[in-house]
């Protein structure tokens, strides 16, 4: 599990962000900015979720249900990744128009 989280996860998540941006047709500069903006948050979320999930999976979940448990968590993880990578950065002028008292 440690090898997975320390070696595999950082590389795969980095590549996932890059490939996702490329498949959406973003230019390289935009992909770089998205990696710079989101990679840290995604890695922190990964380290909060997967070690705990796998510990529960191996210690508590019966063998017959481990795949179902891990894949259910993975479904929600993939929803999180899709949400995180498709967020737009807030435009300060839009925020000012919505809440002029908060953003003078």
PDB file of N, CA and C in Angstrom:
ATOM      1  N   UNK A   1       0.830  -1.187   0.000  1.00  0.00           N
ATOM      2  CA  UNK A   1       0.000   0.000   0.000  1.00  0.00           C
ATOM      3  C   UNK A   1       0.877   1.254   0.000  1.00  0.00           C
ATOM      4  N   UNK A   2       1.988   1.224   0.731  1.00  0.00           N
ATOM      5  CA  UNK A   2       2.856   2.390   0.783  1.00  0.00           C
ATOM      6  C   UNK A   2       3.475   2.676  -0.585  1.00  0.00           C
ATOM      7  N   UNK A   3       3.890   1.635  -1.284  1.00  0.00           N
ATOM      8  CA  UNK A   3       4.471   1.825  -2.611  1.00  0.00           C
ATOM      9  C   UNK A   3       3.430   2.428  -3.554  1.00  0.00           C
ATOM     10  N   UNK A   4       2.217   1.937  -3.458  1.00  0.00           N
ATOM     11  CA  UNK A   4       1.137   2.466  -4.296  1.00  0.00           C
ATOM     12  C   UNK A   4       0.944   3.955  -4.041  1.00  0.00           C
ATOM     13  N   UNK A   5       0.864   4.356  -2.796  1.00  0.00           N
ATOM     14  CA  UNK A   5       0.573   5.746  -2.461  1.00  0.00           C
ATOM     15  C   UNK A   5       1.770   6.671  -2.656  1.00  0.00           C
ATOM     16  N   UNK A   6       2.982   6.166  -2.478  1.00  0.00           N
ATOM     17  CA  UNK A   6       4.157   7.031  -2.576  1.00  0.00           C
ATOM     18  C   UNK A   6       4.753   7.094  -3.979  1.00  0.00           C
ATOM     19  N   UNK A   7       4.552   6.054  -4.767  1.00  0.00           N
ATOM     20  CA  UNK A   7       5.164   6.041  -6.096  1.00  0.00           C
ATOM     21  C   UNK A   7       4.129   6.065  -7.221  1.00  0.00           C
ATOM     22  N   UNK A   8       3.114   5.235  -7.112  1.00  0.00           N
ATOM     23  CA  UNK A   8       2.156   5.074  -8.204  1.00  0.00           C
ATOM     24  C   UNK A   8       1.158   6.228  -8.260  1.00  0.00           C
ATOM     25  N   UNK A   9       0.557   6.571  -7.144  1.00  0.00           N
ATOM     26  CA  UNK A   9      -0.496   7.598  -7.118  1.00  0.00           C
ATOM     27  C   UNK A   9      -0.018   8.960  -7.630  1.00  0.00           C
ATOM     28  N   UNK A  10       1.150   9.467  -7.208  1.00  0.00           N
ATOM     29  CA  UNK A  10       1.558  10.779  -7.725  1.00  0.00           C
ATOM     30  C   UNK A  10       1.738  10.810  -9.244  1.00  0.00           C
ATOM     31  N   UNK A  11       2.309   9.744  -9.793  1.00  0.00           N
ATOM     32  CA  UNK A  11       2.535   9.699 -11.236  1.00  0.00           C
ATOM     33  C   UNK A  11       1.211   9.575 -11.991  1.00  0.00           C
ATOM     34  N   UNK A  12       0.349   8.682 -11.524  1.00  0.00           N
ATOM     35  CA  UNK A  12      -0.921   8.454 -12.222  1.00  0.00           C
ATOM     36  C   UNK A  12      -1.814   9.688 -12.148  1.00  0.00           C
ATOM     37  N   UNK A  13      -1.885  10.336 -10.995  1.00  0.00           N
ATOM     38  CA  UNK A  13      -2.732  11.520 -10.881  1.00  0.00           C
ATOM     39  C   UNK A  13      -2.192  12.683 -11.712  1.00  0.00           C
ATOM     40  N   UNK A  14      -0.871  12.842 -11.752  1.00  0.00           N
ATOM     41  CA  UNK A  14      -0.259  13.864 -12.599  1.00  0.00           C
ATOM     42  C   UNK A  14      -0.612  13.608 -14.060  1.00  0.00           C
ATOM     43  N   UNK A  15      -0.448  12.357 -14.490  1.00  0.00           N
ATOM     44  CA  UNK A  15      -0.764  12.002 -15.872  1.00  0.00           C
ATOM     45  C   UNK A  15      -2.261  12.151 -16.141  1.00  0.00           C
ATOM     46  N   UNK A  16      -3.089  11.791 -15.178  1.00  0.00           N
ATOM     47  CA  UNK A  16      -4.534  11.907 -15.357  1.00  0.00           C
ATOM     48  C   UNK A  16      -4.940  13.347 -15.620  1.00  0.00           C
ATOM     49  N   UNK A  17      -4.396  14.268 -14.847  1.00  0.00           N
ATOM     50  CA  UNK A  17      -4.738  15.682 -15.042  1.00  0.00           C
ATOM     51  C   UNK A  17      -4.295  16.145 -16.427  1.00  0.00           C
ATOM     52  N   UNK A  18      -3.081  15.771 -16.811  1.00  0.00           N
ATOM     53  CA  UNK A  18      -2.568  16.171 -18.117  1.00  0.00           C
ATOM     54  C   UNK A  18      -3.352  15.584 -19.273  1.00  0.00           C
ATOM     55  N   UNK A  19      -3.626  14.294 -19.220  1.00  0.00           N
ATOM     56  CA  UNK A  19      -4.372  13.638 -20.295  1.00  0.00           C
ATOM     57  C   UNK A  19      -5.799  14.169 -20.343  1.00  0.00           C
ATOM     58  N   UNK A  20      -6.411  14.376 -19.192  1.00  0.00           N
ATOM     59  CA  UNK A  20      -7.765  14.921 -19.150  1.00  0.00           C
ATOM     60  C   UNK A  20      -7.817  16.288 -19.832  1.00  0.00           C
ATOM     61  N   UNK A  21      -6.865  17.136 -19.523  1.00  0.00           N
ATOM     62  CA  UNK A  21      -6.826  18.449 -20.160  1.00  0.00           C
ATOM     63  C   UNK A  21      -6.581  18.349 -21.658  1.00  0.00           C
ATOM     64  N   UNK A  22      -5.698  17.440 -22.051  1.00  0.00           N
ATOM     65  CA  UNK A  22      -5.421  17.255 -23.471  1.00  0.00           C
ATOM     66  C   UNK A  22      -6.637  16.753 -24.235  1.00  0.00           C
ATOM     67  N   UNK A  23      -7.348  15.801 -23.648  1.00  0.00           N
ATOM     68  CA  UNK A  23      -8.540  15.265 -24.304  1.00  0.00           C
ATOM     69  C   UNK A  23      -9.666  16.295 -24.391  1.00  0.00           C
ATOM     70  N   UNK A  24      -9.653  17.257 -23.486  1.00  0.00           N
ATOM     71  CA  UNK A  24     -10.650  18.326 -23.556  1.00  0.00           C
ATOM     72  C   UNK A  24     -10.227  19.434 -24.510  1.00  0.00           C
ATOM     73  N   UNK A  25      -9.043  19.310 -25.088  1.00  0.00           N
ATOM     74  CA  UNK A  25      -8.580  20.268 -26.076  1.00  0.00           C
ATOM     75  C   UNK A  25      -7.917  21.507 -25.510  1.00  0.00           C
ATOM     76  N   UNK A  26      -7.507  21.470 -24.247  1.00  0.00           N
ATOM     77  CA  UNK A  26      -6.844  22.614 -23.653  1.00  0.00           C
ATOM     78  C   UNK A  26      -5.425  22.734 -24.199  1.00  0.00           C
ATOM     79  N   UNK A  27      -4.937  23.959 -24.363  1.00  0.00           N
ATOM     80  CA  UNK A  27      -3.548  24.136 -24.785  1.00  0.00           C
ATOM     81  C   UNK A  27      -2.592  23.762 -23.639  1.00  0.00           C
ATOM     82  N   UNK A  28      -1.338  23.444 -23.964  1.00  0.00           N
ATOM     83  CA  UNK A  28      -0.377  23.027 -22.937  1.00  0.00           C
ATOM     84  C   UNK A  28      -0.244  24.013 -21.764  1.00  0.00           C
ATOM     85  N   UNK A  29      -0.295  25.315 -22.050  1.00  0.00           N
ATOM     86  CA  UNK A  29      -0.175  26.296 -20.981  1.00  0.00           C
ATOM     87  C   UNK A  29      -1.341  26.176 -19.993  1.00  0.00           C
ATOM     88  N   UNK A  30      -2.532  25.958 -20.507  1.00  0.00           N
ATOM     89  CA  UNK A  30      -3.708  25.796 -19.664  1.00  0.00           C
ATOM     90  C   UNK A  30      -3.618  24.513 -18.837  1.00  0.00           C
ATOM     91  N   UNK A  31      -3.113  23.444 -19.449  1.00  0.00           N
ATOM     92  CA  UNK A  31      -2.934  22.184 -18.723  1.00  0.00           C
ATOM     93  C   UNK A  31      -1.927  22.364 -17.600  1.00  0.00           C
ATOM     94  N   UNK A  32      -0.829  23.060 -17.894  1.00  0.00           N
ATOM     95  CA  UNK A  32       0.175  23.337 -16.865  1.00  0.00           C
ATOM     96  C   UNK A  32      -0.441  24.116 -15.701  1.00  0.00           C
ATOM     97  N   UNK A  33      -1.249  25.113 -16.006  1.00  0.00           N
ATOM     98  CA  UNK A  33      -1.888  25.907 -14.952  1.00  0.00           C
ATOM     99  C   UNK A  33      -2.852  25.054 -14.125  1.00  0.00           C
ATOM    100  N   UNK A  34      -3.573  24.155 -14.783  1.00  0.00           N
ATOM    101  CA  UNK A  34      -4.490  23.284 -14.046  1.00  0.00           C
ATOM    102  C   UNK A  34      -3.719  22.331 -13.138  1.00  0.00           C
ATOM    103  N   UNK A  35      -2.610  21.789 -13.626  1.00  0.00           N
ATOM    104  CA  UNK A  35      -1.779  20.922 -12.778  1.00  0.00           C
ATOM    105  C   UNK A  35      -1.264  21.719 -11.590  1.00  0.00           C
ATOM    106  N   UNK A  36      -0.763  22.914 -11.857  1.00  0.00           N
ATOM    107  CA  UNK A  36      -0.232  23.754 -10.783  1.00  0.00           C
ATOM    108  C   UNK A  36      -1.310  24.096  -9.757  1.00  0.00           C
ATOM    109  N   UNK A  37      -2.524  24.337 -10.232  1.00  0.00           N
ATOM    110  CA  UNK A  37      -3.619  24.746  -9.357  1.00  0.00           C
ATOM    111  C   UNK A  37      -4.229  23.578  -8.581  1.00  0.00           C
ATOM    112  N   UNK A  38      -4.419  22.429  -9.228  1.00  0.00           N
ATOM    113  CA  UNK A  38      -5.216  21.351  -8.638  1.00  0.00           C
ATOM    114  C   UNK A  38      -4.435  20.149  -8.113  1.00  0.00           C
ATOM    115  N   UNK A  39      -3.212  19.941  -8.570  1.00  0.00           N
ATOM    116  CA  UNK A  39      -2.481  18.725  -8.226  1.00  0.00           C
ATOM    117  C   UNK A  39      -2.307  18.554  -6.717  1.00  0.00           C
ATOM    118  N   UNK A  40      -1.931  19.604  -6.033  1.00  0.00           N
ATOM    119  CA  UNK A  40      -1.729  19.521  -4.582  1.00  0.00           C
ATOM    120  C   UNK A  40      -3.001  19.146  -3.834  1.00  0.00           C
ATOM    121  N   UNK A  41      -4.095  19.789  -4.176  1.00  0.00           N
ATOM    122  CA  UNK A  41      -5.375  19.478  -3.523  1.00  0.00           C
ATOM    123  C   UNK A  41      -5.804  18.040  -3.783  1.00  0.00           C
ATOM    124  N   UNK A  42      -5.606  17.582  -5.018  1.00  0.00           N
ATOM    125  CA  UNK A  42      -5.992  16.214  -5.362  1.00  0.00           C
ATOM    126  C   UNK A  42      -5.123  15.213  -4.607  1.00  0.00           C
ATOM    127  N   UNK A  43      -3.838  15.487  -4.495  1.00  0.00           N
ATOM    128  CA  UNK A  43      -2.955  14.560  -3.767  1.00  0.00           C
ATOM    129  C   UNK A  43      -3.318  14.519  -2.282  1.00  0.00           C
ATOM    130  N   UNK A  44      -3.643  15.645  -1.702  1.00  0.00           N
ATOM    131  CA  UNK A  44      -4.050  15.666  -0.289  1.00  0.00           C
ATOM    132  C   UNK A  44      -5.329  14.856  -0.106  1.00  0.00           C
ATOM    133  N   UNK A  45      -6.292  15.057  -0.991  1.00  0.00           N
ATOM    134  CA  UNK A  45      -7.533  14.279  -0.913  1.00  0.00           C
ATOM    135  C   UNK A  45      -7.250  12.792  -1.094  1.00  0.00           C
ATOM    136  N   UNK A  46      -6.355  12.466  -2.015  1.00  0.00           N
ATOM    137  CA  UNK A  46      -5.963  11.069  -2.235  1.00  0.00           C
ATOM    138  C   UNK A  46      -5.391  10.465  -0.959  1.00  0.00           C
ATOM    139  N   UNK A  47      -4.489  11.183  -0.298  1.00  0.00           N
ATOM    140  CA  UNK A  47      -3.853  10.663   0.915  1.00  0.00           C
ATOM    141  C   UNK A  47      -4.825  10.606   2.095  1.00  0.00           C
ATOM    142  N   UNK A  48      -5.857  11.409   2.070  1.00  0.00           N
ATOM    143  CA  UNK A  48      -6.882  11.327   3.117  1.00  0.00           C
ATOM    144  C   UNK A  48      -7.817  10.142   2.893  1.00  0.00           C
ATOM    145  N   UNK A  49      -8.096   9.832   1.638  1.00  0.00           N
ATOM    146  CA  UNK A  49      -9.100   8.814   1.328  1.00  0.00           C
ATOM    147  C   UNK A  49      -8.543   7.402   1.226  1.00  0.00           C
ATOM    148  N   UNK A  50      -7.548   7.190   0.366  1.00  0.00           N
ATOM    149  CA  UNK A  50      -7.188   5.828  -0.002  1.00  0.00           C
ATOM    150  C   UNK A  50      -6.478   5.013   1.071  1.00  0.00           C
ATOM    151  N   UNK A  51      -5.565   5.558   1.850  1.00  0.00           N
ATOM    152  CA  UNK A  51      -4.991   4.717   2.917  1.00  0.00           C
ATOM    153  C   UNK A  51      -6.051   4.241   3.917  1.00  0.00           C
ATOM    154  N   UNK A  52      -6.967   5.128   4.296  1.00  0.00           N
ATOM    155  CA  UNK A  52      -8.035   4.737   5.224  1.00  0.00           C
ATOM    156  C   UNK A  52      -8.958   3.710   4.577  1.00  0.00           C
ATOM    157  N   UNK A  53      -9.287   3.929   3.317  1.00  0.00           N
ATOM    158  CA  UNK A  53     -10.163   2.997   2.601  1.00  0.00           C
ATOM    159  C   UNK A  53      -9.542   1.605   2.524  1.00  0.00           C
ATOM    160  N   UNK A  54      -8.277   1.556   2.154  1.00  0.00           N
ATOM    161  CA  UNK A  54      -7.629   0.251   2.012  1.00  0.00           C
ATOM    162  C   UNK A  54      -7.390  -0.417   3.357  1.00  0.00           C
ATOM    163  N   UNK A  55      -7.147   0.360   4.394  1.00  0.00           N
ATOM    164  CA  UNK A  55      -7.009  -0.221   5.733  1.00  0.00           C
ATOM    165  C   UNK A  55      -8.326  -0.862   6.158  1.00  0.00           C
ATOM    166  N   UNK A  56      -9.414  -0.152   5.975  1.00  0.00           N
ATOM    167  CA  UNK A  56     -10.737  -0.714   6.289  1.00  0.00           C
ATOM    168  C   UNK A  56     -10.994  -1.944   5.422  1.00  0.00           C
ATOM    169  N   UNK A  57     -10.667  -1.829   4.156  1.00  0.00           N
ATOM    170  CA  UNK A  57     -10.920  -2.917   3.224  1.00  0.00           C
ATOM    171  C   UNK A  57     -10.185  -4.202   3.628  1.00  0.00           C
ATOM    172  N   UNK A  58      -8.927  -4.085   4.004  1.00  0.00           N
ATOM    173  CA  UNK A  58      -8.143  -5.275   4.318  1.00  0.00           C
ATOM    174  C   UNK A  58      -8.368  -5.807   5.724  1.00  0.00           C
ATOM    175  N   UNK A  59      -8.772  -4.951   6.650  1.00  0.00           N
ATOM    176  CA  UNK A  59      -8.907  -5.380   8.040  1.00  0.00           C
ATOM    177  C   UNK A  59     -10.350  -5.692   8.450  1.00  0.00           C
ATOM    178  N   UNK A  60     -11.324  -5.052   7.833  1.00  0.00           N
ATOM    179  CA  UNK A  60     -12.704  -5.182   8.307  1.00  0.00           C
ATOM    180  C   UNK A  60     -13.626  -5.857   7.283  1.00  0.00           C
ATOM    181  N   UNK A  61     -13.517  -5.483   6.042  1.00  0.00           N
ATOM    182  CA  UNK A  61     -14.437  -5.974   5.012  1.00  0.00           C
ATOM    183  C   UNK A  61     -14.137  -7.450   4.712  1.00  0.00           C
ATOM    184  N   UNK A  62     -15.163  -8.295   4.693  1.00  0.00           N
ATOM    185  CA  UNK A  62     -14.953  -9.703   4.341  1.00  0.00           C
ATOM    186  C   UNK A  62     -14.420  -9.839   2.907  1.00  0.00           C
ATOM    187  N   UNK A  63     -13.649 -10.855   2.677  1.00  0.00           N
ATOM    188  CA  UNK A  63     -13.012 -11.073   1.381  1.00  0.00           C
ATOM    189  C   UNK A  63     -14.004 -11.005   0.221  1.00  0.00           C
ATOM    190  N   UNK A  64     -15.159 -11.569   0.393  1.00  0.00           N
ATOM    191  CA  UNK A  64     -16.146 -11.607  -0.687  1.00  0.00           C
ATOM    192  C   UNK A  64     -16.679 -10.225  -1.075  1.00  0.00           C
ATOM    193  N   UNK A  65     -16.510  -9.233  -0.217  1.00  0.00           N
ATOM    194  CA  UNK A  65     -17.069  -7.896  -0.471  1.00  0.00           C
ATOM    195  C   UNK A  65     -16.001  -6.823  -0.705  1.00  0.00           C
ATOM    196  N   UNK A  66     -14.738  -7.203  -0.722  1.00  0.00           N
ATOM    197  CA  UNK A  66     -13.669  -6.200  -0.844  1.00  0.00           C
ATOM    198  C   UNK A  66     -13.686  -5.457  -2.168  1.00  0.00           C
ATOM    199  N   UNK A  67     -13.900  -6.168  -3.244  1.00  0.00           N
ATOM    200  CA  UNK A  67     -13.918  -5.502  -4.553  1.00  0.00           C
ATOM    201  C   UNK A  67     -15.087  -4.528  -4.630  1.00  0.00           C
ATOM    202  N   UNK A  68     -16.245  -4.942  -4.169  1.00  0.00           N
ATOM    203  CA  UNK A  68     -17.420  -4.069  -4.176  1.00  0.00           C
ATOM    204  C   UNK A  68     -17.162  -2.811  -3.346  1.00  0.00           C
ATOM    205  N   UNK A  69     -16.581  -2.979  -2.173  1.00  0.00           N
ATOM    206  CA  UNK A  69     -16.289  -1.829  -1.312  1.00  0.00           C
ATOM    207  C   UNK A  69     -15.306  -0.875  -1.990  1.00  0.00           C
ATOM    208  N   UNK A  70     -14.202  -1.407  -2.494  1.00  0.00           N
ATOM    209  CA  UNK A  70     -13.185  -0.556  -3.117  1.00  0.00           C
ATOM    210  C   UNK A  70     -13.726   0.147  -4.363  1.00  0.00           C
ATOM    211  N   UNK A  71     -14.532  -0.546  -5.144  1.00  0.00           N
ATOM    212  CA  UNK A  71     -15.059   0.065  -6.356  1.00  0.00           C
ATOM    213  C   UNK A  71     -16.149   1.100  -6.063  1.00  0.00           C
ATOM    214  N   UNK A  72     -16.860   0.916  -4.977  1.00  0.00           N
ATOM    215  CA  UNK A  72     -17.841   1.926  -4.568  1.00  0.00           C
ATOM    216  C   UNK A  72     -17.124   3.211  -4.163  1.00  0.00           C
ATOM    217  N   UNK A  73     -16.070   3.071  -3.390  1.00  0.00           N
ATOM    218  CA  UNK A  73     -15.272   4.247  -3.015  1.00  0.00           C
ATOM    219  C   UNK A  73     -14.654   4.868  -4.267  1.00  0.00           C
ATOM    220  N   UNK A  74     -14.163   4.039  -5.181  1.00  0.00           N
ATOM    221  CA  UNK A  74     -13.559   4.537  -6.417  1.00  0.00           C
ATOM    222  C   UNK A  74     -14.560   5.322  -7.259  1.00  0.00           C
ATOM    223  N   UNK A  75     -15.815   4.907  -7.256  1.00  0.00           N
ATOM    224  CA  UNK A  75     -16.850   5.653  -7.982  1.00  0.00           C
ATOM    225  C   UNK A  75     -16.937   7.086  -7.462  1.00  0.00           C
ATOM    226  N   UNK A  76     -16.986   7.229  -6.137  1.00  0.00           N
ATOM    227  CA  UNK A  76     -17.057   8.569  -5.556  1.00  0.00           C
ATOM    228  C   UNK A  76     -15.750   9.339  -5.747  1.00  0.00           C
ATOM    229  N   UNK A  77     -14.628   8.655  -5.751  1.00  0.00           N
ATOM    230  CA  UNK A  77     -13.335   9.290  -6.021  1.00  0.00           C
ATOM    231  C   UNK A  77     -13.327   9.847  -7.448  1.00  0.00           C
ATOM    232  N   UNK A  78     -13.828   9.084  -8.392  1.00  0.00           N
ATOM    233  CA  UNK A  78     -13.864   9.548  -9.777  1.00  0.00           C
ATOM    234  C   UNK A  78     -14.828  10.716  -9.964  1.00  0.00           C
ATOM    235  N   UNK A  79     -15.917  10.721  -9.225  1.00  0.00           N
ATOM    236  CA  UNK A  79     -16.826  11.868  -9.248  1.00  0.00           C
ATOM    237  C   UNK A  79     -16.097  13.103  -8.714  1.00  0.00           C
ATOM    238  N   UNK A  80     -15.346  12.937  -7.633  1.00  0.00           N
ATOM    239  CA  UNK A  80     -14.570  14.053  -7.077  1.00  0.00           C
ATOM    240  C   UNK A  80     -13.562  14.568  -8.099  1.00  0.00           C
ATOM    241  N   UNK A  81     -12.831  13.657  -8.749  1.00  0.00           N
ATOM    242  CA  UNK A  81     -11.845  14.082  -9.742  1.00  0.00           C
ATOM    243  C   UNK A  81     -12.509  14.843 -10.888  1.00  0.00           C
ATOM    244  N   UNK A  82     -13.630  14.351 -11.371  1.00  0.00           N
ATOM    245  CA  UNK A  82     -14.331  15.030 -12.457  1.00  0.00           C
ATOM    246  C   UNK A  82     -14.781  16.420 -12.019  1.00  0.00           C
ATOM    247  N   UNK A  83     -15.304  16.519 -10.816  1.00  0.00           N
ATOM    248  CA  UNK A  83     -15.749  17.818 -10.297  1.00  0.00           C
ATOM    249  C   UNK A  83     -14.564  18.769 -10.146  1.00  0.00           C
ATOM    250  N   UNK A  84     -13.491  18.279  -9.554  1.00  0.00           N
ATOM    251  CA  UNK A  84     -12.328  19.126  -9.280  1.00  0.00           C
ATOM    252  C   UNK A  84     -11.698  19.635 -10.573  1.00  0.00           C
ATOM    253  N   UNK A  85     -11.585  18.767 -11.559  1.00  0.00           N
ATOM    254  CA  UNK A  85     -10.904  19.155 -12.790  1.00  0.00           C
ATOM    255  C   UNK A  85     -11.778  19.979 -13.728  1.00  0.00           C
ATOM    256  N   UNK A  86     -13.055  20.054 -13.462  1.00  0.00           N
ATOM    257  CA  UNK A  86     -13.934  20.843 -14.325  1.00  0.00           C
ATOM    258  C   UNK A  86     -14.438  22.108 -13.653  1.00  0.00           C
ATOM    259  N   UNK A  87     -13.871  22.433 -12.512  1.00  0.00           N
ATOM    260  CA  UNK A  87     -14.205  23.701 -11.870  1.00  0.00           C
ATOM    261  C   UNK A  87     -13.538  24.824 -12.639  1.00  0.00           C
ATOM    262  N   UNK A  88     -14.200  25.934 -12.703  1.00  0.00           N
ATOM    263  CA  UNK A  88     -13.585  27.114 -13.292  1.00  0.00           C
ATOM    264  C   UNK A  88     -13.120  28.013 -12.165  1.00  0.00           C
ATOM    265  N   UNK A  89     -12.000  28.684 -12.404  1.00  0.00           N
ATOM    266  CA  UNK A  89     -11.532  29.636 -11.403  1.00  0.00           C
ATOM    267  C   UNK A  89     -12.525  30.791 -11.338  1.00  0.00           C
ATOM    268  N   UNK A  90     -12.818  31.251 -10.131  1.00  0.00           N
ATOM    269  CA  UNK A  90     -13.761  32.361 -10.028  1.00  0.00           C
ATOM    270  C   UNK A  90     -13.195  33.629 -10.675  1.00  0.00           C
ATOM    271  N   UNK A  91     -14.048  34.300 -11.404  1.00  0.00           N
ATOM    272  CA  UNK A  91     -13.687  35.552 -12.040  1.00  0.00           C
ATOM    273  C   UNK A  91     -14.019  36.666 -11.046  1.00  0.00           C
ATOM    274  N   UNK A  92     -13.029  37.458 -10.672  1.00  0.00           N
ATOM    275  CA  UNK A  92     -13.218  38.471  -9.633  1.00  0.00           C
ATOM    276  C   UNK A  92     -14.282  39.494 -10.035  1.00  0.00           C
ATOM    277  N   UNK A  93     -14.399  39.804 -11.324  1.00  0.00           N
ATOM    278  CA  UNK A  93     -15.426  40.782 -11.721  1.00  0.00           C
ATOM    279  C   UNK A  93     -16.822  40.182 -11.557  1.00  0.00           C
ATOM    280  N   UNK A  94     -16.965  38.877 -11.801  1.00  0.00           N
ATOM    281  CA  UNK A  94     -18.262  38.237 -11.567  1.00  0.00           C
ATOM    282  C   UNK A  94     -18.587  38.213 -10.082  1.00  0.00           C
ATOM    283  N   UNK A  95     -17.582  37.952  -9.247  1.00  0.00           N
ATOM    284  CA  UNK A  95     -17.804  37.952  -7.806  1.00  0.00           C
ATOM    285  C   UNK A  95     -18.184  39.342  -7.311  1.00  0.00           C
ATOM    286  N   UNK A  96     -17.558  40.359  -7.867  1.00  0.00           N
ATOM    287  CA  UNK A  96     -17.897  41.723  -7.482  1.00  0.00           C
ATOM    288  C   UNK A  96     -19.329  42.063  -7.876  1.00  0.00           C
ATOM    289  N   UNK A  97     -19.768  41.590  -9.038  1.00  0.00           N
ATOM    290  CA  UNK A  97     -21.132  41.863  -9.481  1.00  0.00           C
ATOM    291  C   UNK A  97     -22.148  41.149  -8.595  1.00  0.00           C
ATOM    292  N   UNK A  98     -21.806  39.936  -8.141  1.00  0.00           N
ATOM    293  CA  UNK A  98     -22.723  39.170  -7.302  1.00  0.00           C
ATOM    294  C   UNK A  98     -22.777  39.702  -5.871  1.00  0.00           C
ATOM    295  N   UNK A  99     -21.630  40.107  -5.349  1.00  0.00           N
ATOM    296  CA  UNK A  99     -21.552  40.562  -3.948  1.00  0.00           C
ATOM    297  C   UNK A  99     -20.674  41.797  -3.852  1.00  0.00           C
ATOM    298  N   UNK A 100     -21.178  42.946  -4.238  1.00  0.00           N
ATOM    299  CA  UNK A 100     -20.359  44.152  -4.249  1.00  0.00           C
ATOM    300  C   UNK A 100     -19.841  44.548  -2.858  1.00  0.00           C
ATOM    301  N   UNK A 101     -20.559  44.154  -1.807  1.00  0.00           N
ATOM    302  CA  UNK A 101     -20.109  44.505  -0.459  1.00  0.00           C
ATOM    303  C   UNK A 101     -18.923  43.659  -0.001  1.00  0.00           C
ATOM    304  N   UNK A 102     -18.833  42.437  -0.515  1.00  0.00           N
ATOM    305  CA  UNK A 102     -17.742  41.551  -0.130  1.00  0.00           C
ATOM    306  C   UNK A 102     -16.479  41.776  -0.942  1.00  0.00           C
ATOM    307  N   UNK A 103     -16.644  42.209  -2.195  1.00  0.00           N
ATOM    308  CA  UNK A 103     -15.519  42.411  -3.098  1.00  0.00           C
ATOM    309  C   UNK A 103     -15.532  43.834  -3.624  1.00  0.00           C
ATOM    310  N   UNK A 104     -15.057  44.784  -2.816  1.00  0.00           N
ATOM    311  CA  UNK A 104     -15.103  46.196  -3.256  1.00  0.00           C
ATOM    312  C   UNK A 104     -14.139  46.495  -4.387  1.00  0.00           C
TER     313      UNK A 104
END
